[in-house]
Amino acid sequence: MPVVTIAGNPGISKEKKEKLIKEVSNSVAEAYDLPIETVTILIQSYNPEDIGAGGVMLSKKNK
């Protein structure tokens, strides 16, 4: 059973999450030659103050 974790900042709509889950699930199921029902997708959201890139907090980079 493949498990895919997608991590990013919040702000993606419910509709876009549904589309993302469907498209990624289809791709993973095809790649593994498994039924789509065996694929699990986890979407994690992180606030900008919880993300650092290049040694700088993302909330400070976006100002």
Protein backbone atom coordinates (compact mmCIF):
# COMPACT_ATOMS: atom_id res chain seq x y z
CA MET A 1 0.00 0.00 0.00
CA PRO A 2 1.80 3.16 -1.18
CA VAL A 3 1.53 6.23 1.04
CA VAL A 4 2.31 9.66 -0.41
CA THR A 5 2.80 12.71 1.82
CA ILE A 6 2.44 16.15 0.30
CA ALA A 7 3.67 18.98 2.51
CA GLY A 8 3.26 22.69 1.89
CA ASN A 9 1.91 25.93 3.18
CA PRO A 10 -1.85 26.34 3.75
CA GLY A 11 -4.15 28.06 1.33
CA ILE A 12 -5.10 25.35 -1.16
CA SER A 13 -8.87 25.05 -1.50
CA LYS A 14 -10.85 21.90 -0.73
CA GLU A 15 -11.65 21.53 -4.43
CA LYS A 16 -7.97 21.71 -5.40
CA LYS A 17 -7.07 19.22 -2.67
CA GLU A 18 -9.65 16.81 -4.10
CA LYS A 19 -8.18 17.23 -7.57
CA LEU A 20 -4.64 16.77 -6.24
CA ILE A 21 -5.60 13.61 -4.34
CA LYS A 22 -7.30 12.12 -7.41
CA GLU A 23 -4.47 12.92 -9.82
CA VAL A 24 -1.66 11.78 -7.52
CA SER A 25 -3.58 8.62 -6.59
CA ASN A 26 -4.09 7.77 -10.25
CA SER A 27 -0.42 8.32 -11.05
CA VAL A 28 0.83 6.25 -8.12
CA ALA A 29 -1.64 3.43 -8.80
CA GLU A 30 -0.52 3.32 -12.43
CA ALA A 31 3.19 3.41 -11.55
CA TYR A 32 2.85 0.59 -9.02
CA ASP A 33 0.28 -1.31 -11.13
CA LEU A 34 -2.07 -1.43 -8.15
CA PRO A 35 -5.75 -0.63 -7.63
CA ILE A 36 -6.30 3.01 -6.73
CA GLU A 37 -7.98 1.88 -3.50
CA THR A 38 -4.57 0.83 -2.16
CA VAL A 39 -3.09 4.35 -2.44
CA THR A 40 -3.16 6.71 0.57
CA ILE A 41 -2.47 10.43 0.23
CA LEU A 42 -1.63 12.63 3.23
CA ILE A 43 -1.69 16.41 2.89
CA GLN A 44 0.19 18.32 5.59
CA SER A 45 -0.05 22.09 5.90
CA TYR A 46 2.59 24.22 7.57
CA ASN A 47 2.20 27.86 8.52
CA PRO A 48 4.87 30.20 7.12
CA GLU A 49 6.41 30.58 10.60
CA ASP A 50 6.90 26.79 10.68
CA ILE A 51 8.95 26.71 7.46
CA GLY A 52 12.54 27.78 6.97
CA ALA A 53 14.39 28.06 3.67
CA GLY A 54 17.96 29.20 3.26
CA GLY A 55 18.21 29.85 6.99
CA VAL A 56 15.30 32.30 6.97
CA MET A 57 11.78 31.80 8.29
CA LEU A 58 9.35 31.78 5.36
CA SER A 59 7.06 34.31 7.06
CA LYS A 60 9.97 36.80 7.01
CA LYS A 61 10.86 36.04 3.38
CA ASN A 62 7.31 36.76 2.22
CA LYS A 63 7.25 40.30 3.64
